[in-house]
Protein backbone atom coordinates (compact mmCIF):
# COMPACT_ATOMS: atom_id res chain seq x y z
CA MET A 1 101.96 122.30 108.72
CA TRP A 2 99.54 120.41 110.92
CA THR A 3 95.80 120.42 111.56
CA ASP A 4 94.54 119.11 114.87
CA LEU A 5 92.13 116.17 114.62
CA TYR A 6 89.96 115.81 117.71
CA THR A 7 88.68 112.67 119.39
CA ALA A 8 85.43 112.62 121.33
CA GLU A 9 87.33 112.90 124.60
CA GLU A 10 89.34 115.88 123.36
CA MET A 11 86.14 117.62 122.23
CA ARG A 12 84.57 117.06 125.66
CA ALA A 13 87.63 118.66 127.22
CA ALA A 14 87.38 121.66 124.88
CA GLU A 15 83.69 122.11 125.74
CA ALA A 16 84.39 121.72 129.46
CA ALA A 17 86.95 124.53 129.26
CA TYR A 18 84.36 126.93 127.83
CA ARG A 19 83.55 129.59 130.43
CA GLY A 20 80.13 130.59 129.16
CA PRO A 21 76.79 128.74 129.21
CA THR A 22 76.96 125.57 127.10
CA LEU A 23 73.56 126.48 125.71
CA GLU A 24 75.36 129.22 123.77
CA LEU A 25 77.49 126.59 122.03
CA MET A 26 74.42 124.64 120.97
CA GLU A 27 72.72 127.78 119.62
CA ARG A 28 75.81 128.74 117.60
CA ALA A 29 76.22 125.21 116.27
CA GLY A 30 72.61 124.95 115.11
CA ARG A 31 72.69 128.38 113.49
CA LYS A 32 75.88 127.51 111.58
CA VAL A 33 74.27 124.37 110.16
CA ALA A 34 71.14 126.26 109.16
CA GLU A 35 73.24 128.92 107.44
CA GLU A 36 75.08 126.29 105.43
CA ILE A 37 71.82 124.67 104.34
CA LEU A 38 70.30 127.99 103.30
CA GLY A 39 73.45 128.95 101.40
CA ARG A 40 74.03 125.63 99.66
CA TYR A 41 70.47 124.59 98.98
CA PRO A 42 68.64 127.87 98.29
CA ASP A 43 65.94 126.12 96.27
CA ALA A 44 65.12 123.61 99.00
CA ARG A 45 61.64 124.44 100.22
CA SER A 46 61.24 121.58 102.69
CA VAL A 47 63.69 120.11 105.17
CA ALA A 48 63.33 117.03 107.39
CA VAL A 49 65.41 117.12 110.58
CA TRP A 50 66.04 113.75 112.23
CA CYS A 51 66.97 114.24 115.88
CA GLY A 52 68.26 111.94 118.57
CA PRO A 53 67.62 112.50 122.29
CA GLY A 54 71.17 113.73 123.02
CA ALA A 55 73.13 116.91 122.42
CA ASN A 56 73.31 116.28 118.67
CA GLY A 57 69.53 116.23 118.60
CA GLY A 58 69.59 119.52 120.53
CA ASP A 59 71.66 121.01 117.70
CA GLY A 60 69.03 119.65 115.33
CA PHE A 61 66.20 121.43 117.19
CA VAL A 62 68.07 124.71 116.73
CA VAL A 63 68.53 123.95 113.02
CA ALA A 64 64.80 123.34 112.66
CA ARG A 65 63.93 126.60 114.43
CA GLU A 66 66.31 128.63 112.29
CA LEU A 67 65.06 127.09 109.05
CA ALA A 68 61.45 127.72 110.06
CA ARG A 69 62.30 131.36 110.72
CA ALA A 70 63.76 131.49 107.20
CA ARG A 71 60.35 130.36 105.92
CA ARG A 72 61.38 126.86 104.97
CA ALA A 73 58.87 124.07 105.52
CA CYS A 74 60.63 122.16 108.27
CA SER A 75 59.65 119.15 110.36
CA VAL A 76 61.37 117.24 113.15
CA ARG A 77 61.43 113.46 113.49
CA LEU A 78 62.50 112.64 117.05
CA LEU A 79 63.96 109.21 117.58
CA GLY A 80 62.72 108.07 120.98
CA SER A 81 60.50 109.78 123.51
CA GLU A 82 60.67 113.42 124.56
CA GLU A 83 61.15 112.30 128.17
CA LYS A 84 64.66 111.09 127.27
CA VAL A 85 65.75 114.53 126.10
CA ALA A 86 67.59 116.40 128.88
CA GLY A 87 69.82 119.40 129.57
CA ASP A 88 70.43 121.95 126.84
CA ALA A 89 68.76 119.69 124.28
CA ALA A 90 65.54 119.75 126.33
CA VAL A 91 65.63 123.56 126.40
CA ASN A 92 65.84 123.68 122.62
CA LEU A 93 63.15 121.03 122.27
CA ARG A 94 60.80 123.31 124.22
CA ARG A 95 61.84 126.29 122.13
CA ALA A 96 61.15 124.39 118.92
CA ARG A 97 57.71 123.46 120.24
CA ARG A 98 57.12 127.08 121.27
CA ASP A 99 58.03 128.32 117.79
CA GLY A 100 55.56 125.95 116.20
CA VAL A 101 58.03 123.61 114.51
CA PRO A 102 55.99 120.51 113.58
CA PHE A 103 57.09 117.12 114.94
CA ALA A 104 56.30 114.15 112.68
CA GLU A 105 55.90 110.49 113.60
CA GLU A 106 57.11 109.41 110.17
CA PRO A 107 59.38 111.25 107.75
CA GLY A 108 57.67 113.09 104.94
CA VAL A 109 58.91 114.13 101.53
CA ALA A 110 61.71 116.69 101.78
CA ASP A 111 64.28 118.38 99.56
CA VAL A 112 67.03 118.08 102.18
CA VAL A 113 67.46 115.76 105.17
CA VAL A 114 69.36 116.82 108.29
CA ASP A 115 71.05 114.06 110.29
CA ALA A 116 71.16 115.03 113.98
CA LEU A 117 70.84 111.56 115.48
CA PHE A 118 74.29 110.97 116.98
CA GLY A 119 77.30 113.21 117.52
CA THR A 120 80.87 112.78 118.70
CA GLY A 121 79.85 110.68 121.70
CA PHE A 122 78.61 107.80 119.56
CA ARG A 123 80.49 104.50 119.65
CA GLY A 124 79.75 100.98 118.51
CA LYS A 125 76.80 99.85 116.45
CA PRO A 126 73.45 101.67 116.16
CA ARG A 127 70.50 99.93 117.77
CA PRO A 128 67.85 98.50 115.43
CA GLU A 129 65.52 101.52 115.57
CA ALA A 130 68.39 103.91 114.88
CA ALA A 131 69.75 101.67 112.12
CA ARG A 132 66.33 101.73 110.43
CA ALA A 133 66.25 105.51 110.66
CA ILE A 134 69.73 105.75 109.13
CA GLU A 135 68.73 103.49 106.26
CA GLN A 136 65.60 105.59 105.69
CA MET A 137 67.71 108.72 105.47
CA ASN A 138 70.17 107.06 103.09
CA GLY A 139 67.28 105.86 100.94
CA SER A 140 65.57 109.24 100.72
CA GLY A 141 67.26 110.15 97.47
CA VAL A 142 67.97 113.74 98.59
CA PRO A 143 71.10 115.39 100.02
CA ILE A 144 71.84 114.63 103.67
CA VAL A 145 73.50 117.27 105.84
CA ALA A 146 75.15 115.71 108.89
CA VAL A 147 75.36 117.72 112.09
CA ASP A 148 78.91 117.44 113.45
CA LEU A 149 79.40 113.82 112.28
CA PRO A 150 77.48 111.33 110.14
CA SER A 151 75.48 109.14 112.51
CA GLY A 152 77.05 105.70 112.88
CA VAL A 153 80.65 106.94 112.51
CA ASP A 154 82.99 106.83 115.50
CA ALA A 155 84.43 110.33 115.88
CA SER A 156 87.63 109.09 117.53
CA THR A 157 88.60 106.39 115.05
CA GLY A 158 86.52 106.58 111.86
CA CYS A 159 85.21 103.08 112.53
CA VAL A 160 81.79 102.09 111.20
CA GLN A 161 80.37 98.97 112.84
CA GLY A 162 76.84 99.08 111.46
CA ALA A 163 74.52 101.39 109.55
CA ALA A 164 75.98 104.86 108.96
CA VAL A 165 74.68 107.97 107.25
CA ARG A 166 76.19 108.83 103.88
CA ALA A 167 76.19 112.61 103.96
CA ALA A 168 76.60 115.02 101.08
CA LEU A 169 77.76 117.65 103.55
CA THR A 170 78.96 117.51 107.13
CA VAL A 171 79.07 120.67 109.24
CA THR A 172 81.33 120.03 112.19
CA PHE A 173 82.16 122.33 115.06
CA HIS A 174 85.44 123.78 116.29
CA ALA A 175 87.75 121.44 114.33
CA PRO A 176 87.76 118.27 112.23
CA LYS A 177 87.41 114.99 114.09
CA VAL A 178 89.52 111.90 113.45
CA GLY A 179 86.43 110.14 112.06
CA HIS A 180 86.03 112.73 109.32
CA VAL A 181 89.34 111.91 107.64
CA VAL A 182 90.16 108.29 108.53
CA ALA A 183 88.43 105.56 106.54
CA PRO A 184 85.83 104.22 106.53
CA GLY A 185 84.34 107.28 108.26
CA ARG A 186 85.79 109.66 105.68
CA PHE A 187 83.70 108.02 102.97
CA HIS A 188 80.52 108.94 104.87
CA ALA A 189 81.27 112.61 105.55
CA GLY A 190 80.91 114.09 102.07
CA GLN A 191 82.15 117.68 101.92
CA LEU A 192 83.39 118.84 105.29
CA VAL A 193 82.78 122.35 106.63
CA VAL A 194 84.28 123.42 109.97
CA ALA A 195 82.26 126.01 111.90
CA ASP A 196 83.78 128.12 114.67
CA ILE A 197 81.55 128.13 117.76
CA GLY A 198 83.92 129.92 120.12
CA LEU A 199 85.99 127.16 121.71
CA ALA A 200 89.68 127.52 122.53
CA ARG A 201 92.24 125.54 120.57
CA ALA A 202 94.25 122.75 122.18
CA LYS A 203 96.84 120.25 120.99
CA THR A 204 95.54 116.85 120.01
CA ARG A 205 97.16 113.44 119.84
CA THR A 206 96.26 112.88 116.18
CA ARG A 207 97.33 115.40 113.56
CA ARG A 208 96.63 115.89 109.89
CA ALA A 209 99.54 116.93 107.69
CA THR A 210 99.06 119.84 105.32
CA GLY A 211 101.03 120.48 102.15
CA ARG A 212 103.33 122.79 104.11
CA ILE A 213 105.02 119.76 105.65
CA LEU A 214 107.08 119.69 102.45
CA GLU A 215 108.81 122.86 103.62
CA LEU A 216 110.63 120.66 106.14
CA VAL A 217 112.26 118.53 103.45
CA PRO A 218 115.93 119.53 102.98
CA ARG A 219 116.56 120.84 99.47
CA ARG A 220 119.79 120.60 97.51
CA ARG A 221 122.14 123.45 98.37
CA GLU A 222 124.82 125.05 96.26
CA GLN A 223 127.50 123.54 98.48
CA ASP A 224 126.07 120.00 98.20
CA ASN A 225 127.55 117.17 96.21
CA LYS A 226 125.71 114.04 95.16
CA TYR A 227 126.41 112.29 98.46
CA THR A 228 125.58 115.15 100.82
CA ALA A 229 122.33 115.73 98.90
CA GLY A 230 121.30 112.21 99.92
CA SER A 231 122.56 108.79 98.87
CA VAL A 232 120.02 105.97 98.49
CA LEU A 233 120.56 102.25 97.97
CA VAL A 234 117.69 100.26 96.46
CA VAL A 235 117.72 96.47 96.89
CA GLY A 236 115.21 94.53 94.83
CA GLY A 237 114.16 93.13 91.52
CA SER A 238 113.52 89.64 90.20
CA THR A 239 112.23 88.03 87.04
CA GLY A 240 108.98 89.73 86.06
CA LEU A 241 109.42 92.39 88.74
CA THR A 242 112.01 94.77 87.33
CA GLY A 243 109.58 97.70 87.30
CA ALA A 244 109.26 97.99 91.07
CA PRO A 245 112.91 98.79 91.94
CA SER A 246 113.13 100.96 88.81
CA LEU A 247 110.25 103.14 90.00
CA THR A 248 111.69 103.26 93.51
CA SER A 249 115.08 104.37 92.17
CA GLN A 250 113.62 107.01 89.86
CA ALA A 251 111.35 108.34 92.61
CA ALA A 252 114.28 108.69 95.02
CA LEU A 253 116.12 110.80 92.45
CA ARG A 254 113.09 112.96 91.67
CA ALA A 255 112.60 113.45 95.42
CA GLY A 256 116.00 115.08 95.62
CA ALA A 257 118.47 112.27 96.34
CA GLY A 258 121.84 113.11 94.81
CA ILE A 259 122.79 109.55 93.94
CA VAL A 260 120.93 106.25 93.79
CA THR A 261 122.50 102.81 93.50
CA ALA A 262 120.42 99.71 92.78
CA CYS A 263 121.53 96.23 93.82
CA VAL A 264 119.78 93.89 91.39
CA PRO A 265 120.03 90.27 90.18
CA ALA A 266 123.06 89.85 87.93
CA SER A 267 121.07 87.96 85.32
CA LEU A 268 118.76 90.98 84.95
CA ASN A 269 121.37 93.71 85.16
CA ALA A 270 121.18 94.52 81.45
CA VAL A 271 117.49 95.30 81.84
CA PHE A 272 118.16 97.78 84.63
CA GLU A 273 121.10 99.40 82.85
CA GLN A 274 118.84 100.17 79.91
CA ARG A 275 115.97 101.44 82.03
CA LEU A 276 117.91 103.47 84.60
CA LEU A 277 120.23 105.96 82.95
CA GLU A 278 120.89 108.03 86.08
CA VAL A 279 121.11 105.10 88.52
CA MET A 280 124.22 103.04 89.21
CA THR A 281 123.60 99.30 89.29
CA ARG A 282 125.41 96.61 91.24
CA PRO A 283 124.88 93.09 89.82
CA CYS A 284 124.34 90.59 92.63
CA PRO A 285 124.42 86.77 92.62
CA ASP A 286 121.04 85.28 91.84
CA GLU A 287 119.34 82.01 91.05
CA ASP A 288 116.67 81.99 88.36
CA GLY A 289 116.37 85.76 88.54
CA THR A 290 116.06 86.09 92.33
CA MET A 291 118.90 87.22 94.56
CA THR A 292 120.37 84.73 96.99
CA MET A 293 122.28 84.98 100.25
CA ASP A 294 125.46 85.27 98.20
CA ALA A 295 124.31 88.79 97.28
CA ALA A 296 124.72 90.00 100.88
CA ASP A 297 128.38 91.01 100.66
CA THR A 298 127.82 93.10 97.51
CA ILE A 299 124.80 94.81 99.08
CA LEU A 300 126.54 95.57 102.37
CA ALA A 301 129.53 96.99 100.53
CA ALA A 302 127.26 99.23 98.45
CA ALA A 303 125.46 100.38 101.60
CA LYS A 304 128.59 101.88 103.13
CA ARG A 305 128.13 105.18 101.29
CA ALA A 306 124.32 105.16 101.45
CA GLY A 307 122.31 107.37 103.76
CA ALA A 308 119.28 105.07 103.58
CA VAL A 309 118.29 101.73 102.06
CA ALA A 310 115.04 100.78 100.31
CA LEU A 311 114.68 97.03 100.73
CA GLY A 312 112.13 94.80 99.07
CA PRO A 313 110.61 96.23 95.85
CA GLY A 314 110.27 93.30 93.46
CA LEU A 315 112.73 91.23 95.51
CA GLY A 316 110.80 88.00 95.06
CA ARG A 317 109.20 85.59 97.50
CA THR A 318 111.59 82.72 97.96
CA GLU A 319 113.21 81.25 101.04
CA ALA A 320 116.54 82.63 99.82
CA ALA A 321 115.12 86.13 99.48
CA GLN A 322 113.58 85.91 102.94
CA ALA A 323 116.87 84.82 104.47
CA LEU A 324 118.63 87.67 102.68
CA VAL A 325 116.21 90.21 104.17
CA GLY A 326 116.83 88.91 107.68
CA HIS A 327 120.59 88.95 107.19
CA LEU A 328 120.58 92.51 105.86
CA LEU A 329 118.33 93.88 108.60
CA ASP A 330 120.69 92.43 111.18
CA ARG A 331 123.77 94.04 109.63
CA LEU A 332 122.65 97.31 108.07
CA ASP A 333 123.32 100.23 110.40
CA LYS A 334 121.46 102.69 108.14
CA PRO A 335 117.80 103.73 108.03
CA VAL A 336 115.81 101.16 106.06
CA VAL A 337 112.49 101.42 104.26
CA LEU A 338 110.92 97.97 104.01
CA ASP A 339 108.23 97.42 101.39
CA ALA A 340 106.53 94.80 99.24
CA ASP A 341 108.46 91.52 99.27
CA GLY A 342 110.55 92.82 102.15
CA LEU A 343 107.35 92.97 104.21
CA TRP A 344 106.42 89.48 103.06
CA ALA A 345 109.76 88.24 104.39
CA LEU A 346 109.06 89.87 107.75
CA VAL A 347 105.94 87.84 108.56
CA ASP A 348 106.62 85.79 111.73
CA HIS A 349 109.97 87.55 112.06
CA LEU A 350 109.05 90.91 113.58
CA ASP A 351 112.08 90.60 115.86
CA TRP A 352 114.25 91.32 112.82
CA VAL A 353 112.97 94.89 112.94
CA PHE A 354 112.42 95.23 116.68
CA SER A 355 116.07 94.48 117.41
CA ARG A 356 117.42 97.14 115.04
CA ASP A 357 119.03 100.30 116.40
CA ALA A 358 118.79 102.27 113.17
CA PRO A 359 115.40 103.68 112.09
CA THR A 360 113.07 101.40 110.14
CA VAL A 361 110.00 102.47 108.17
CA LEU A 362 107.45 99.88 107.00
CA THR A 363 105.07 100.88 104.20
CA PRO A 364 102.32 98.22 104.05
CA HIS A 365 98.88 98.26 102.49
CA ALA A 366 96.02 96.72 104.47
CA GLY A 367 96.75 93.15 103.39
CA GLU A 368 100.44 93.39 104.23
CA LEU A 369 99.80 94.98 107.61
CA GLY A 370 97.18 92.35 108.37
CA ARG A 371 99.70 89.58 107.74
CA LEU A 372 102.25 91.29 109.97
CA VAL A 373 99.90 91.65 112.95
CA GLY A 374 98.02 88.38 112.39
CA ARG A 375 94.69 89.93 111.39
CA PRO A 376 92.62 89.79 108.19
CA SER A 377 92.84 92.78 105.86
CA SER A 378 89.12 93.42 106.49
CA TRP A 379 89.93 94.14 110.14
CA VAL A 380 92.67 96.56 109.10
CA ASP A 381 90.29 98.36 106.72
CA ALA A 382 87.65 98.66 109.43
CA ASN A 383 90.07 99.70 112.20
CA ARG A 384 92.80 101.62 110.42
CA LEU A 385 93.90 103.78 113.34
CA ASP A 386 94.15 100.85 115.76
CA ALA A 387 95.81 98.71 113.10
CA VAL A 388 98.61 101.13 112.27
CA GLN A 389 99.35 101.75 115.94
CA THR A 390 99.36 98.00 116.61
CA GLY A 391 101.83 97.53 113.78
CA ALA A 392 104.14 100.22 115.16
CA ASP A 393 103.97 98.83 118.70
CA ASP A 394 104.52 95.22 117.59
CA THR A 395 107.54 96.00 115.42
CA GLY A 396 109.06 99.00 117.18
CA ALA A 397 109.19 100.68 113.77
CA VAL A 398 107.49 103.55 112.00
CA VAL A 399 104.52 102.15 110.09
CA LEU A 400 103.00 103.95 107.12
CA LEU A 401 99.64 102.40 106.26
CA LYS A 402 98.76 103.19 102.66
CA GLY A 403 95.25 104.02 101.55
CA ALA A 404 92.96 106.90 100.61
CA ASP A 405 94.07 108.35 103.94
CA THR A 406 97.67 107.43 104.66
CA LEU A 407 98.37 106.89 108.36
CA VAL A 408 101.80 107.16 109.97
CA ALA A 409 102.39 105.78 113.47
CA ALA A 410 105.43 105.27 115.66
CA PRO A 411 105.74 103.82 119.16
CA GLY A 412 105.07 106.52 121.73
CA ARG A 413 103.89 109.15 119.24
CA GLY A 414 100.46 110.25 118.12
CA PRO A 415 99.45 109.19 114.60
CA VAL A 416 99.60 111.48 111.57
CA VAL A 417 97.00 111.45 108.79
CA VAL A 418 97.95 112.43 105.24
CA ASP A 419 95.08 112.74 102.77
CA LEU A 420 96.53 114.93 100.02
CA GLY A 421 96.32 112.46 97.13
CA ASN A 422 93.63 111.55 94.63
CA ALA A 423 92.12 108.40 93.16
CA GLY A 424 94.85 108.29 90.53
CA LEU A 425 97.21 106.83 93.13
CA ALA A 426 95.20 103.60 93.11
CA THR A 427 97.52 102.13 90.50
CA ALA A 428 100.30 99.58 90.39
CA GLY A 429 103.67 101.04 91.30
CA SER A 430 102.51 103.97 93.41
CA GLY A 431 103.72 102.16 96.53
CA ASP A 432 107.15 101.70 94.96
CA VAL A 433 107.26 105.44 94.30
CA LEU A 434 106.38 106.14 97.93
CA THR A 435 109.20 103.83 99.06
CA GLY A 436 111.73 105.73 96.98
CA VAL A 437 110.60 109.11 98.24
CA THR A 438 110.70 107.93 101.86
CA ALA A 439 114.23 106.58 101.36
CA ALA A 440 115.34 109.87 99.82
CA PHE A 441 114.00 111.87 102.76
CA LEU A 442 115.64 109.52 105.27
CA ALA A 443 118.91 109.88 103.38
CA LYS A 444 118.59 113.64 103.77
CA GLY A 445 118.57 113.21 107.55
CA MET A 446 114.85 113.42 108.36
CA ASP A 447 113.65 111.21 111.21
CA GLY A 448 111.44 108.24 110.45
CA PRO A 449 107.93 109.54 111.27
CA LEU A 450 108.52 112.90 109.60
CA ALA A 451 110.15 111.35 106.52
CA ALA A 452 107.23 108.95 106.11
CA ALA A 453 104.56 111.64 106.52
CA ALA A 454 106.40 114.05 104.21
CA ALA A 455 106.84 111.31 101.60
CA ALA A 456 103.11 110.59 101.62
CA ALA A 457 102.43 114.31 101.28
CA ALA A 458 104.92 114.61 98.42
CA CYS A 459 103.33 111.73 96.52
CA GLY A 460 99.85 113.12 97.16
CA THR A 461 100.83 116.59 95.96
CA ALA A 462 102.61 115.12 92.95
CA SER A 463 99.51 113.11 92.06
CA GLN A 464 97.50 116.33 92.02
CA LEU A 465 100.00 118.00 89.70
CA ALA A 466 100.15 114.91 87.48
CA ALA A 467 96.35 114.82 87.29
CA GLU A 468 96.32 118.41 86.02
CA ARG A 469 98.35 117.21 83.04
CA HIS A 470 97.11 113.67 82.49
CA GLY A 471 93.80 113.50 84.37
CA HIS A 472 93.42 111.03 87.22
CA ALA A 473 91.37 108.38 85.40
CA GLY A 474 94.42 106.79 83.81
CA LEU A 475 97.20 108.14 86.00
CA ILE A 476 100.20 105.82 86.24
CA ALA A 477 103.03 105.68 88.73
CA GLY A 478 105.50 107.14 86.22
CA ASP A 479 103.34 110.28 85.98
CA VAL A 480 103.69 110.75 89.74
CA VAL A 481 107.48 110.31 89.52
CA GLU A 482 107.68 113.05 86.88
CA ALA A 483 105.67 115.42 89.06
CA LEU A 484 107.72 114.92 92.23
CA SER A 485 110.37 117.54 91.43
CA PRO A 486 107.78 120.22 90.57
CA ALA A 487 105.86 119.36 93.74
CA LEU A 488 109.00 119.81 95.86
CA SER A 489 110.20 122.89 93.97
CA ARG A 490 107.18 125.06 94.77
């Protein structure tokens, strides 16, 4: 159900535990890359291998030797002087020289470029000479094969602070690294191949959820009734925003909740009653289509039989709505999923969540998380792993950061990465669907981090099934809702 994602430090520990000569690891790594190149690019007659002075460059020297033995025209471009190359890399530099591999001062024309500049130990921003080399590789117009990690990507975080290789293929060793699957690094890796080089497995702090996580979601049993199957309360809706709580309610049902009740503005109740045939509605006092503090008693009464509450979809952004959110968070003793306008209400009021005893799950996108932690969304996008952990630590809640890779963090726990979706999820309403699924899983008794990760996996898997029917170019949130039950019934 989980794949280990290694940081640079965890990889160093795995290599340190190896009982044989480390030169063996470098030889195996280089051979694996060469095999992938020969298998994937059989018509490539010439290959340019760009090497740095470190261990990654040492892997590159092995690649060059193996390709030369396979009768491919191969040349090495070494960044820096040979005097800087040490250890196992120096051994393989001498072997490449011995085998007659040509070293070029400037890159020539090639059918494939191999990036062996920096490996898992790289952090920060490439120096000017390295940045120029990276840009030359990116501008070559031919496929780039990255050795272990695209140069310029931080293996431990996925951060990219300067120039970074955009690989068509990355051959990594032992296991995937965090930087391969967390944006923006994931957008530089291309297709990822993991090569076994003989290291022992170890547990890592960061894990990647597989589709099998859905096996942990409780299913309806023959002895269940609608309440024991999971009861969800959705609180939201305002003028112009009736779709959000509707999608959340429908998603909760399709995710297996036995009963869903929606507390909505009284003036809009007729809209919801027509849209939501299987959902009970509770009309709540409102003003101009937005619920007011007077709605609190109705909501709290409805929550008594709920296993979890989804608070915020389409709620509206008024002072009254904000006050209502604070009041409810203080008094609800049930798990709460806070999304959309509920997150807007939380800005400058993180204590509303921190003081809660019951589990709370926040489901922000980059902009919403940025507002919560006082950072611009650009910082969140560039530092996703740090951002989601900061959000969890600052609020004391489970934080699910939406994106191409969904990240789930909780105080005191290692983060989980979920990347099972497709581009079709980049559509209005998909976040509302995720909120409903998370609420359904919480109502079934799952703990916060697991419910959030499983909900992201369910939506990702459903998006794949929906794309098989509708394609992903014009996928809409309703298509994902329809596919949730099939995704969970496999």
